[in-house]
């Protein structure tokens, strides 16, 4: 399996860092699933990280613990892309598979609460945007 993300590609939690308009980094610990050399993360559709990614797709990823404390020094510059509904469905499937019962419970409960359009999938590719 191709993994350009190093330890972040296989970590249980990934610190996804997005950037505010003024360049201030904002890190969020999040579940991620590696598939075909890309990371897929799932989040609430109207979250601030989604708004920041729509404005600026440049992100960094790094392995972390559940509270967001980085694990190691390897930070990977990457590009994030908000997925359409079909991509969101695929991302939910990848998260459920990667995180087994806890993933299934969280994704299913969120889908029941928010509906399919209440969350989005984000595809992350290694490397800065062009």
Protein backbone atom coordinates (compact mmCIF):
# COMPACT_ATOMS: atom_id res chain seq x y z
CA UNK A 1 0.00 0.00 0.00
CA UNK A 2 1.29 3.44 -0.95
CA UNK A 3 1.67 5.68 2.12
CA UNK A 4 3.17 9.12 1.46
CA UNK A 5 2.06 10.30 4.93
CA UNK A 6 4.53 8.31 7.05
CA UNK A 7 3.30 7.71 10.60
CA UNK A 8 0.23 9.93 10.02
CA UNK A 9 -0.96 7.43 7.41
CA UNK A 10 -1.25 4.64 9.94
CA UNK A 11 -1.84 6.51 13.22
CA UNK A 12 -5.09 6.04 15.14
CA UNK A 13 -5.48 9.83 15.35
CA UNK A 14 -4.21 12.45 12.92
CA UNK A 15 -3.65 16.11 13.72
CA UNK A 16 -5.20 17.91 10.76
CA UNK A 17 -3.96 21.50 10.68
CA UNK A 18 -5.84 24.08 8.63
CA UNK A 19 -5.03 27.77 8.33
CA UNK A 20 -7.04 30.89 9.15
CA UNK A 21 -7.10 33.90 6.80
CA UNK A 22 -4.18 35.46 8.69
CA UNK A 23 -2.15 32.24 8.41
CA UNK A 24 -2.66 31.10 12.01
CA UNK A 25 -2.59 27.28 12.16
CA UNK A 26 -5.54 25.47 13.77
CA UNK A 27 -4.98 21.80 14.60
CA UNK A 28 -7.76 19.27 15.14
CA UNK A 29 -7.31 15.61 16.13
CA UNK A 30 -9.40 13.48 13.81
CA UNK A 31 -9.86 9.90 12.65
CA UNK A 32 -8.38 9.16 9.23
CA UNK A 33 -8.34 6.22 6.85
CA UNK A 34 -5.57 5.65 4.32
CA UNK A 35 -6.76 4.35 0.95
CA UNK A 36 -4.85 4.24 -2.33
CA UNK A 37 -2.19 6.71 -1.16
CA UNK A 38 -4.66 9.31 0.13
CA UNK A 39 -6.03 10.06 3.58
CA UNK A 40 -9.77 10.35 4.08
CA UNK A 41 -11.28 12.16 7.05
CA UNK A 42 -14.89 12.76 7.99
CA UNK A 43 -16.33 15.77 9.79
CA UNK A 44 -19.39 17.95 10.32
CA UNK A 45 -20.26 19.83 7.12
CA UNK A 46 -20.49 23.28 8.71
CA UNK A 47 -17.36 23.00 10.87
CA UNK A 48 -14.74 25.73 10.81
CA UNK A 49 -12.14 23.35 9.39
CA UNK A 50 -14.36 22.77 6.36
CA UNK A 51 -14.78 26.54 5.89
CA UNK A 52 -11.01 27.04 6.14
CA UNK A 53 -10.32 24.23 3.64
CA UNK A 54 -12.79 25.69 1.15
CA UNK A 55 -10.86 28.97 1.34
CA UNK A 56 -7.36 27.48 1.51
CA UNK A 57 -6.79 23.78 0.70
CA UNK A 58 -3.24 23.77 2.12
CA UNK A 59 -3.11 21.62 5.28
CA UNK A 60 -0.62 19.61 7.28
CA UNK A 61 -1.09 16.20 8.87
CA UNK A 62 0.79 14.56 11.69
CA UNK A 63 0.29 11.57 13.97
CA UNK A 64 -1.17 12.57 17.34
CA UNK A 65 -3.02 11.21 20.36
CA UNK A 66 -6.76 11.63 21.02
CA UNK A 67 -6.25 15.04 22.61
CA UNK A 68 -4.19 16.34 19.67
CA UNK A 69 -0.71 16.09 21.17
CA UNK A 70 1.69 15.37 18.28
CA UNK A 71 3.39 11.98 18.30
CA UNK A 72 6.79 12.46 16.70
CA UNK A 73 8.17 15.26 14.56
CA UNK A 74 7.04 14.16 11.11
CA UNK A 75 4.71 16.83 9.66
CA UNK A 76 3.45 16.27 6.12
CA UNK A 77 2.35 19.18 3.95
CA UNK A 78 -0.77 18.25 2.02
CA UNK A 79 -3.77 19.41 0.03
CA UNK A 80 -7.36 18.86 1.19
CA UNK A 81 -10.42 18.55 -1.02
CA UNK A 82 -14.03 18.53 0.20
CA UNK A 83 -15.82 15.57 -1.40
CA UNK A 84 -19.28 15.39 -2.93
CA UNK A 85 -22.06 13.23 -1.47
CA UNK A 86 -20.77 10.01 -3.05
CA UNK A 87 -17.28 10.77 -1.74
CA UNK A 88 -18.74 11.42 1.71
CA UNK A 89 -20.48 8.04 1.62
CA UNK A 90 -17.20 6.36 0.64
CA UNK A 91 -15.36 8.17 3.43
CA UNK A 92 -17.94 7.06 6.02
CA UNK A 93 -17.47 3.47 4.81
CA UNK A 94 -13.67 3.75 5.10
CA UNK A 95 -13.91 5.20 8.64
CA UNK A 96 -16.32 2.46 9.76
CA UNK A 97 -13.99 -0.20 8.35
CA UNK A 98 -10.82 1.33 9.83
CA UNK A 99 -12.24 1.95 13.32
CA UNK A 100 -14.52 -1.13 13.50
CA UNK A 101 -17.23 -0.98 16.20
CA UNK A 102 -16.43 2.52 17.56
CA UNK A 103 -16.28 3.87 14.01
CA UNK A 104 -19.54 2.21 13.05
CA UNK A 105 -21.28 3.55 16.16
CA UNK A 106 -20.07 7.14 15.76
CA UNK A 107 -20.71 7.33 12.01
CA UNK A 108 -24.14 5.70 12.28
CA UNK A 109 -25.23 7.89 15.20
CA UNK A 110 -24.05 11.00 13.37
CA UNK A 111 -25.88 10.00 10.20
CA UNK A 112 -29.08 9.43 12.19
CA UNK A 113 -28.68 12.77 13.95
CA UNK A 114 -27.49 14.98 11.07
CA UNK A 115 -28.49 13.05 7.95
CA UNK A 116 -26.16 12.18 5.09
CA UNK A 117 -25.59 15.84 4.19
CA UNK A 118 -24.72 16.88 7.75
CA UNK A 119 -21.21 15.50 7.40
CA UNK A 120 -18.65 15.54 4.61
CA UNK A 121 -15.65 13.53 3.57
CA UNK A 122 -12.32 15.22 3.00
CA UNK A 123 -9.68 13.71 0.73
CA UNK A 124 -6.10 14.63 1.60
CA UNK A 125 -3.27 14.27 -0.90
CA UNK A 126 0.39 14.64 0.06
CA UNK A 127 1.99 17.81 -1.29
CA UNK A 128 1.07 21.50 -1.38
CA UNK A 129 -1.64 22.83 -3.71
CA UNK A 130 -0.42 24.18 -7.04
